[in-house]
Amino acid sequence: MLCQLVTFLHIRPPKKHYKMKIIQINVTANSCSTGRIAEGIGLKAQKAGFDSWIAYGRWANNSSSHLIRIGTKIDYLEHGIETRLFDNHGLASRRATGSFLKKIDTIKPDIIHLHNIHGYYLNYKLLFQYIRKKGIPVVWTLHDCWAFTGHCSHFSFCRCEKWRSGCFSCSQKRSYPLSLFLDRSKNNYEDKKKNFTSISNLTIVSVSEWLENLVSQSFLGGSNHVVIHNGIDTAMFSPASQSNEIRLKHGIRQNEMMLLGVAGVWDKRKGLHDFIELSKHLPPQQKIVLVGLTGKQIKTLPKTIIGIERTESTKQLSEYYSAANLFLNLTYEDNYPTTNLEAISCGTPCLTYKTGGSPESITAETGFIVSQGNLESVQQCINTVQKNGKESYSSACRKYSLAHFRQEDCFNNYIKIYEALLKKQ
């Protein structure tokens, strides 16, 4: 009877509301800088009405998005072995990628958003074949240069220019992703070029003006490409009231300077050797604290440096940033490091080398930019902060971070891209 009445009145049942679906793919989920960026984008997407998934290959923290693990620890180890034997990074993980693509088929996403697809967990050739077949729009945020080289993720440290026309005889074969025997850089370059330029509906996002300039000169230059600077949680990374406890914990008095360095991996590219050299020339009242070291590295540090192992706690990181008088980023290779943003947001001025996109987050009111390896200039800046007092920078740092680093504002630009892509469908 009810059905007849509905038919008679020409009333149709309302359609179910369809929520747009997005899958992000990254080596981590809500962990490390790229994982936290993906998490923030996922949160913003959900607020905009999307269903959000994050697929990851290595490790994850709790997420507001649906999580998908790509492969297993065994798959990861097999990918690492193939890379070391055959220099075919990104071309292993066939079984793991095939299984993941079946999950994508079930979800039927409207947009796929790539981040770091390197890291021993994904077969990019299978992924891009799938994307071409399905015609799914792709947004790809580049956090390094791996996408347009035959091997490395960064090349400025060794001053290599082969990526411009075609890689061969790679001088960084023994760096990440490590190959012990073969040099497949020429074939890798051609494989990437063929696959990564095969998608018509691709938007490349560079997180710095510096990287955007490189992309425009690479084989990806013909794709649509834009710049969206990284954002951070400025509420989490804010001046912490418990910062004095950090100083007490490490025996740093209030009249002494705490000089902080933070990195996920400490090596020559991150300036570890410069921190060690700098420590030899600082007076006793200027203390260096490095966060993110391995236990082995801590044991080899000179007594003039306080070493801390890696922490996943953003609260603890915020306390370290807040406790410091000056944040030092003595990096020789970087894109747009979020550590700069996090320190400044905690009210701490930042000193960085003139490296990659690192200076793009620094102003005259919030920090200093010096040439690579110029430790004399680094010392002069340290002395300037000691003379002026950190408090003379803190207000400007916090004000600048709220105006330029809020992840809500930065990530909203991704939502605009998603909406523009969906309108074309």
Protein backbone atom coordinates (compact mmCIF):
# COMPACT_ATOMS: atom_id res chain seq x y z
CA MET A 1 0.00 0.00 0.00
CA LEU A 2 2.80 2.41 0.93
CA CYS A 3 4.68 1.55 -2.27
CA GLN A 4 1.55 2.25 -4.32
CA LEU A 5 1.09 5.62 -2.58
CA VAL A 6 4.72 6.55 -3.24
CA THR A 7 4.27 5.61 -6.92
CA PHE A 8 1.00 7.55 -7.17
CA LEU A 9 2.51 10.72 -5.73
CA HIS A 10 5.63 10.34 -7.86
CA ILE A 11 7.72 10.42 -4.71
CA ARG A 12 11.12 8.81 -5.04
CA PRO A 13 13.17 7.66 -2.06
CA PRO A 14 16.07 10.04 -1.37
CA LYS A 15 19.47 8.97 -2.71
CA LYS A 16 22.07 8.00 -0.21
CA HIS A 17 24.69 10.71 0.25
CA TYR A 18 27.91 9.62 -1.43
CA LYS A 19 31.07 10.59 0.41
CA MET A 20 34.11 11.15 -1.78
CA LYS A 21 36.96 8.80 -0.97
CA ILE A 22 40.67 9.55 -0.82
CA ILE A 23 43.56 7.15 -0.28
CA GLN A 24 46.96 8.52 0.68
CA ILE A 25 50.03 6.32 0.25
CA ASN A 26 53.17 6.91 2.30
CA VAL A 27 55.97 4.92 3.87
CA THR A 28 54.62 5.71 7.37
CA ALA A 29 51.26 6.69 8.87
CA ASN A 30 51.11 9.44 11.50
CA SER A 31 54.81 8.93 12.19
CA CYS A 32 57.82 11.05 11.21
CA SER A 33 57.33 14.26 9.25
CA THR A 34 55.71 12.83 6.10
CA GLY A 35 53.44 10.54 8.10
CA ARG A 36 52.25 13.44 10.25
CA ILE A 37 51.63 15.52 7.13
CA ALA A 38 49.49 12.74 5.63
CA GLU A 39 47.60 12.48 8.93
CA GLY A 40 46.90 16.22 8.92
CA ILE A 41 45.66 16.12 5.34
CA GLY A 42 43.44 13.17 6.22
CA LEU A 43 41.91 15.10 9.11
CA LYS A 44 41.26 18.11 6.90
CA ALA A 45 39.75 15.89 4.20
CA GLN A 46 37.36 14.30 6.70
CA LYS A 47 36.22 17.71 7.88
CA ALA A 48 35.56 18.58 4.23
CA GLY A 49 33.30 15.52 3.89
CA PHE A 50 35.72 12.92 2.46
CA ASP A 51 36.25 9.38 3.64
CA SER A 52 39.99 9.04 4.28
CA TRP A 53 42.36 6.08 4.07
CA ILE A 54 46.11 6.05 4.61
CA ALA A 55 48.10 3.14 3.21
CA TYR A 56 51.58 2.70 4.67
CA GLY A 57 54.50 0.32 4.32
CA ARG A 58 56.70 0.49 7.40
CA TRP A 59 55.18 1.65 10.68
CA ALA A 60 52.20 3.61 11.98
CA ASN A 61 50.71 5.33 14.99
CA ASN A 62 46.99 5.60 15.72
CA SER A 63 45.20 7.55 13.01
CA SER A 64 41.88 9.29 12.45
CA SER A 65 41.88 7.76 8.93
CA HIS A 66 41.32 4.13 8.02
CA LEU A 67 44.73 2.44 7.90
CA ILE A 68 45.95 -0.13 5.38
CA ARG A 69 49.27 -1.91 5.84
CA ILE A 70 51.02 -2.67 2.54
CA GLY A 71 52.91 -5.95 2.80
CA THR A 72 54.60 -7.51 5.80
CA LYS A 73 57.98 -7.37 7.44
CA ILE A 74 59.08 -10.24 5.20
CA ASP A 75 58.00 -8.29 2.10
CA TYR A 76 60.00 -5.32 3.34
CA LEU A 77 63.09 -7.47 3.89
CA GLU A 78 62.75 -9.07 0.43
CA HIS A 79 62.48 -5.62 -1.15
CA GLY A 80 65.61 -4.52 0.69
CA ILE A 81 67.53 -7.58 -0.48
CA GLU A 82 66.49 -7.04 -4.12
CA THR A 83 67.51 -3.40 -3.91
CA ARG A 84 70.94 -4.27 -2.57
CA LEU A 85 71.52 -7.02 -5.15
CA PHE A 86 69.95 -5.52 -8.27
CA ASP A 87 69.55 -1.76 -7.64
CA ASN A 88 65.85 -2.01 -8.52
CA HIS A 89 64.35 -0.06 -5.64
CA GLY A 90 60.62 0.45 -6.13
CA LEU A 91 60.32 -2.55 -8.46
CA ALA A 92 60.10 -5.33 -5.85
CA SER A 93 57.14 -5.93 -3.45
CA ARG A 94 55.11 -7.46 -6.32
CA ARG A 95 52.95 -9.69 -4.14
CA ALA A 96 52.40 -6.99 -1.50
CA THR A 97 51.48 -4.38 -4.12
CA GLY A 98 49.13 -6.77 -5.94
CA SER A 99 47.30 -7.47 -2.70
CA PHE A 100 47.08 -3.75 -1.94
CA LEU A 101 45.65 -2.96 -5.39
CA LYS A 102 42.83 -5.43 -4.72
CA LYS A 103 42.01 -3.45 -1.57
CA ILE A 104 41.96 -0.23 -3.60
CA ASP A 105 39.52 -1.91 -5.99
CA THR A 106 37.21 -2.61 -3.05
CA ILE A 107 37.37 0.97 -1.76
CA LYS A 108 37.04 2.61 -5.21
CA PRO A 109 38.71 5.92 -4.28
CA ASP A 110 37.93 9.12 -6.15
CA ILE A 111 41.49 10.40 -5.65
CA ILE A 112 44.82 8.76 -4.87
CA HIS A 113 47.32 10.97 -3.06
CA LEU A 114 50.94 9.81 -3.13
CA HIS A 115 53.68 10.87 -0.74
CA ASN A 116 56.92 8.87 -0.35
CA ILE A 117 56.36 5.74 -2.42
CA HIS A 118 59.97 4.68 -1.89
CA GLY A 119 61.08 2.92 1.28
CA TYR A 120 61.13 -0.80 0.44
CA TYR A 121 57.38 -1.45 0.44
CA LEU A 122 55.74 -0.71 -2.94
CA ASN A 123 56.11 -1.59 -6.62
CA TYR A 124 55.58 1.71 -8.42
CA LYS A 125 55.29 0.09 -11.90
CA LEU A 126 52.29 -2.01 -10.82
CA LEU A 127 50.74 0.96 -9.03
CA PHE A 128 51.00 3.27 -12.03
CA GLN A 129 49.71 0.57 -14.40
CA TYR A 130 46.66 0.27 -12.16
CA ILE A 131 46.14 4.05 -12.02
CA ARG A 132 46.35 4.34 -15.82
CA LYS A 133 43.83 1.54 -16.27
CA LYS A 134 41.36 2.98 -13.76
CA GLY A 135 41.85 6.64 -14.72
CA ILE A 136 41.93 7.79 -11.09
CA PRO A 137 43.16 11.40 -10.54
CA VAL A 138 46.47 11.51 -8.67
CA VAL A 139 48.01 14.13 -6.40
CA TRP A 140 51.67 13.49 -5.64
CA THR A 141 53.38 15.45 -2.87
CA LEU A 142 57.15 15.30 -3.34
CA HIS A 143 59.15 15.43 -0.11
CA ASP A 144 62.48 14.76 -1.86
CA CYS A 145 63.93 14.21 -5.34
CA TRP A 146 63.64 10.42 -5.71
CA ALA A 147 60.80 10.65 -8.24
CA PHE A 148 63.03 12.12 -10.96
CA THR A 149 66.41 10.47 -10.37
CA GLY A 150 67.82 7.08 -11.29
CA HIS A 151 68.74 6.21 -7.73
CA CYS A 152 69.04 8.83 -4.97
CA SER A 153 66.52 10.87 -3.02
CA HIS A 154 68.85 13.90 -2.84
CA PHE A 155 71.77 14.97 -5.02
CA SER A 156 72.79 18.46 -3.90
CA PHE A 157 75.31 17.14 -1.35
CA CYS A 158 77.34 15.44 -4.11
CA ARG A 159 76.54 18.22 -6.62
CA CYS A 160 75.23 15.79 -9.27
CA GLU A 161 73.42 17.17 -12.34
CA LYS A 162 72.76 13.92 -14.25
CA TRP A 163 69.07 13.94 -13.31
CA ARG A 164 68.50 16.76 -15.79
CA SER A 165 68.99 14.59 -18.88
CA GLY A 166 69.45 10.99 -17.72
CA CYS A 167 71.21 9.22 -14.86
CA PHE A 168 74.10 6.77 -15.30
CA SER A 169 77.20 5.65 -13.37
CA CYS A 170 75.64 6.76 -10.08
CA SER A 171 78.15 8.17 -7.59
CA GLN A 172 75.66 7.55 -4.76
CA LYS A 173 75.03 3.87 -5.41
CA ARG A 174 76.14 3.10 -1.84
CA SER A 175 73.78 5.66 -0.32
CA TYR A 176 70.02 5.22 0.16
CA PRO A 177 68.62 3.13 -1.42
CA LEU A 178 71.82 1.12 -1.04
CA SER A 179 72.98 -1.12 -3.90
CA LEU A 180 75.97 -3.31 -3.15
CA PHE A 181 76.82 -4.51 -6.65
CA LEU A 182 74.88 -3.32 -9.70
CA ASP A 183 74.34 0.19 -10.99
CA ARG A 184 70.90 0.29 -12.60
CA SER A 185 70.57 4.07 -12.44
CA LYS A 186 70.18 4.50 -16.22
CA ASN A 187 67.35 1.95 -16.43
CA ASN A 188 65.77 3.23 -13.22
CA TYR A 189 65.68 6.74 -14.66
CA GLU A 190 64.00 5.54 -17.86
CA ASP A 191 61.54 3.33 -15.94
CA LYS A 192 60.50 6.21 -13.71
CA LYS A 193 60.21 8.62 -16.62
CA LYS A 194 58.04 6.18 -18.57
CA ASN A 195 55.71 5.42 -15.66
CA PHE A 196 55.51 8.77 -13.90
CA THR A 197 54.72 10.70 -17.10
CA SER A 198 52.12 8.18 -18.27
CA ILE A 199 49.24 9.62 -16.22
CA SER A 200 47.33 12.51 -17.75
CA ASN A 201 45.45 13.53 -14.60
CA LEU A 202 48.47 14.09 -12.33
CA THR A 203 49.15 17.06 -10.07
CA ILE A 204 52.65 17.34 -8.60
CA VAL A 205 52.92 19.24 -5.31
CA SER A 206 56.34 20.48 -4.21
CA VAL A 207 56.64 21.49 -0.56
CA SER A 208 59.20 24.21 -1.29
CA GLU A 209 59.97 26.73 -3.98
CA TRP A 210 63.43 25.16 -4.25
CA LEU A 211 62.00 21.72 -5.12
CA GLU A 212 59.44 23.26 -7.48
CA ASN A 213 62.31 24.77 -9.45
CA LEU A 214 63.95 21.34 -9.77
CA VAL A 215 60.69 19.65 -10.77
CA SER A 216 60.15 22.18 -13.55
CA GLN A 217 63.57 21.24 -14.97
CA SER A 218 63.01 17.47 -14.68
CA PHE A 219 60.99 15.06 -16.82
CA LEU A 220 58.05 15.82 -14.50
CA GLY A 221 58.03 19.43 -15.68
CA GLY A 222 55.29 18.73 -18.22
CA SER A 223 52.81 17.75 -15.49
CA ASN A 224 50.66 20.22 -13.62
CA HIS A 225 52.77 21.26 -10.63
CA VAL A 226 52.24 23.65 -7.73
CA VAL A 227 53.82 24.58 -4.38
CA ILE A 228 52.15 23.92 -1.02
CA HIS A 229 54.41 24.49 1.97
CA ASN A 230 54.13 22.02 4.81
CA GLY A 231 52.08 22.98 7.82
CA ILE A 232 52.25 21.86 11.44
CA ASP A 233 49.98 21.60 14.46
CA THR A 234 50.67 25.03 15.96
CA ALA A 235 48.55 24.16 19.00
CA MET A 236 50.74 21.17 19.79
CA PHE A 237 53.96 22.97 18.89
CA SER A 238 53.61 25.99 21.12
CA PRO A 239 55.69 27.39 24.00
CA ALA A 240 55.62 24.67 26.67
CA SER A 241 55.41 25.52 30.36
CA GLN A 242 57.36 22.35 31.27
CA SER A 243 60.41 23.40 29.26
CA ASN A 244 62.40 24.21 32.40
CA GLU A 245 62.15 20.54 33.44
CA ILE A 246 64.01 19.59 30.25
CA ARG A 247 66.85 21.93 31.12
CA LEU A 248 67.03 20.61 34.69
CA LYS A 249 67.01 17.03 33.40
CA HIS A 250 70.17 17.69 31.38
CA GLY A 251 71.87 19.97 33.88
CA ILE A 252 71.52 23.15 31.84
CA ARG A 253 71.23 26.22 34.05
CA GLN A 254 68.98 29.16 33.25
CA ASN A 255 71.96 31.42 32.56
CA GLU A 256 73.34 28.89 30.04
CA MET A 257 72.39 28.54 26.38
CA MET A 258 70.72 25.40 25.09
CA LEU A 259 71.46 24.88 21.39
CA LEU A 260 69.12 22.25 19.94
CA GLY A 261 69.33 20.04 16.87
CA VAL A 262 66.60 17.55 15.84
CA ALA A 263 66.64 14.97 13.05
CA GLY A 264 65.08 11.63 12.21
CA VAL A 265 68.42 10.34 10.94
CA TRP A 266 71.73 11.91 11.89
CA ASP A 267 74.58 11.72 9.35
CA LYS A 268 76.91 14.01 7.40
CA ARG A 269 74.01 15.33 5.32
CA LYS A 270 72.27 16.48 8.48
CA GLY A 271 75.46 18.20 9.65
CA LEU A 272 76.39 15.89 12.52
CA HIS A 273 80.08 16.45 11.82
CA ASP A 274 79.53 20.24 11.99
CA PHE A 275 77.82 19.96 15.37
CA ILE A 276 80.78 17.96 16.65
CA GLU A 277 83.25 20.50 15.28
CA LEU A 278 81.19 23.41 16.61
CA SER A 279 81.15 21.89 20.10
CA LYS A 280 84.95 22.16 20.22
CA HIS A 281 84.82 25.94 19.95
CA LEU A 282 81.90 26.84 22.19
CA PRO A 283 82.34 28.18 25.72
CA PRO A 284 81.12 25.93 28.56
CA GLN A 285 77.93 27.97 29.05
CA GLN A 286 76.71 27.10 25.52
CA LYS A 287 75.39 23.52 25.46
CA ILE A 288 74.49 21.47 22.36
CA VAL A 289 71.59 18.98 22.65
CA LEU A 290 70.86 16.63 19.72
CA VAL A 291 67.59 14.67 19.52
CA GLY A 292 67.11 11.65 17.24
CA LEU A 293 70.47 9.91 17.59
CA THR A 294 70.96 6.15 17.80
CA GLY A 295 72.37 4.60 20.95
CA LYS A 296 75.56 3.82 19.05
CA GLN A 297 75.96 7.43 17.95
CA ILE A 298 75.41 8.72 21.48
CA LYS A 299 78.26 6.56 22.75
CA THR A 300 80.68 8.15 20.23
CA LEU A 301 79.71 11.77 20.94
CA PRO A 302 82.18 14.10 22.63
CA LYS A 303 81.27 15.02 26.21
CA THR A 304 80.46 18.54 25.01
CA ILE A 305 77.27 17.27 23.29
CA ILE A 306 74.18 15.87 25.02
CA GLY A 307 72.66 13.10 22.90
CA ILE A 308 68.99 12.01 23.03
CA GLU A 309 67.45 9.07 21.18
CA ARG A 310 64.55 9.51 18.80
CA THR A 311 61.14 10.30 20.27
CA GLU A 312 57.69 9.87 18.69
CA SER A 313 56.13 12.13 21.32
CA THR A 314 55.23 15.50 19.81
CA LYS A 315 54.61 16.76 23.35
CA GLN A 316 58.17 15.92 24.35
CA LEU A 317 59.55 17.45 21.14
CA SER A 318 57.61 20.62 21.89
CA GLU A 319 59.20 20.75 25.34
CA TYR A 320 62.69 20.42 23.86
CA TYR A 321 62.02 23.14 21.28
CA SER A 322 60.63 25.40 24.00
CA ALA A 323 63.56 24.78 26.33
CA ALA A 324 66.15 25.74 23.70
CA ASN A 325 67.51 29.24 23.24
CA LEU A 326 68.29 28.60 19.57
CA PHE A 327 67.44 25.82 17.13
CA LEU A 328 70.30 24.87 14.81
CA ASN A 329 69.63 23.16 11.48
CA LEU A 330 73.10 22.58 10.03
CA THR A 331 71.74 20.52 7.14
CA TYR A 332 73.52 20.02 3.83
CA GLU A 333 70.49 18.45 2.09
CA ASP A 334 66.90 19.32 2.79
CA ASN A 335 63.64 20.21 1.14
CA TYR A 336 61.41 22.14 3.58
CA PRO A 337 62.21 20.74 7.03
CA THR A 338 59.29 20.82 9.45
CA THR A 339 61.74 20.97 12.37
CA ASN A 340 62.30 24.64 11.51
CA LEU A 341 58.56 25.28 11.67
CA GLU A 342 58.14 23.37 14.93
CA ALA A 343 60.95 25.25 16.67
CA ILE A 344 59.73 28.67 15.53
CA SER A 345 56.16 27.78 16.54
CA CYS A 346 57.47 27.04 20.03
CA GLY A 347 58.89 30.56 20.20
CA THR A 348 62.50 29.56 19.52
CA PRO A 349 64.53 31.31 16.80
CA CYS A 350 66.06 29.09 14.12
CA LEU A 351 69.44 29.12 12.42
CA THR A 352 69.75 27.18 9.17
CA TYR A 353 72.31 26.69 6.47
CA LYS A 354 71.42 28.06 3.05
CA THR A 355 70.37 24.59 1.92
CA GLY A 356 67.50 23.61 -0.38
CA GLY A 357 64.17 24.99 0.83
CA SER A 358 65.25 25.27 4.46
CA PRO A 359 65.67 29.09 4.39
CA GLU A 360 62.11 29.55 3.08
CA SER A 361 60.66 29.34 6.61
CA ILE A 362 63.08 31.87 8.13
CA THR A 363 62.77 35.66 8.35
CA ALA A 364 65.07 38.28 9.86
CA GLU A 365 62.78 38.38 12.91
CA THR A 366 62.63 34.61 13.42
CA GLY A 367 66.20 33.46 12.81
CA PHE A 368 69.36 33.38 10.75
CA ILE A 369 70.58 31.96 7.43
CA VAL A 370 74.28 31.23 6.96
CA SER A 371 76.30 29.53 4.25
CA GLN A 372 77.01 25.83 4.56
CA GLY A 373 79.91 24.96 6.87
CA ASN A 374 80.49 28.54 8.02
CA LEU A 375 80.82 27.72 11.71
CA GLU A 376 82.31 31.12 12.45
CA SER A 377 79.05 32.74 11.34
CA VAL A 378 77.10 30.15 13.33
CA GLN A 379 79.01 31.14 16.47
CA GLN A 380 78.37 34.83 15.81
CA CYS A 381 74.62 34.17 15.55
CA ILE A 382 74.68 32.15 18.76
CA ASN A 383 76.39 35.05 20.51
CA THR A 384 73.83 37.47 19.07
CA VAL A 385 70.95 35.46 20.54
CA GLN A 386 72.79 35.22 23.86
CA LYS A 387 73.31 38.98 23.88
CA ASN A 388 69.74 39.89 22.83
CA GLY A 389 68.03 37.15 24.83
CA LYS A 390 65.67 34.55 23.38
CA GLU A 391 62.69 36.60 24.59
CA SER A 392 63.46 39.27 21.98
CA TYR A 393 62.62 36.71 19.25
CA SER A 394 59.91 34.57 20.84
CA SER A 395 56.91 36.80 20.20
CA ALA A 396 57.81 37.34 16.55
CA CYS A 397 58.41 33.61 16.11
CA ARG A 398 55.03 32.64 17.51
CA LYS A 399 53.22 35.35 15.56
CA TYR A 400 54.88 34.30 12.30
CA SER A 401 54.08 30.63 12.85
CA LEU A 402 50.38 31.35 13.40
CA ALA A 403 50.29 33.43 10.22
CA HIS A 404 52.19 30.99 7.97
CA PHE A 405 52.57 27.49 9.47
CA ARG A 406 49.06 26.50 10.56
CA GLN A 407 48.37 23.11 9.03
CA GLU A 408 44.68 23.96 8.74
CA ASP A 409 45.55 26.70 6.25
CA CYS A 410 48.26 24.75 4.40
CA PHE A 411 46.25 21.55 4.08
CA ASN A 412 43.15 23.40 2.93
CA ASN A 413 45.04 23.97 -0.34
CA TYR A 414 44.96 20.20 -0.89
CA ILE A 415 41.18 20.17 -0.47
CA LYS A 416 40.96 22.85 -3.17
CA ILE A 417 43.01 20.63 -5.48
CA TYR A 418 40.80 17.61 -4.73
CA GLU A 419 37.64 19.59 -5.44
CA ALA A 420 39.06 20.98 -8.69
CA LEU A 421 40.03 17.49 -9.85
CA LEU A 422 36.62 16.05 -9.01
CA LYS A 423 34.88 18.80 -11.00
CA LYS A 424 36.76 17.61 -14.08
CA GLN A 425 35.48 14.04 -13.65
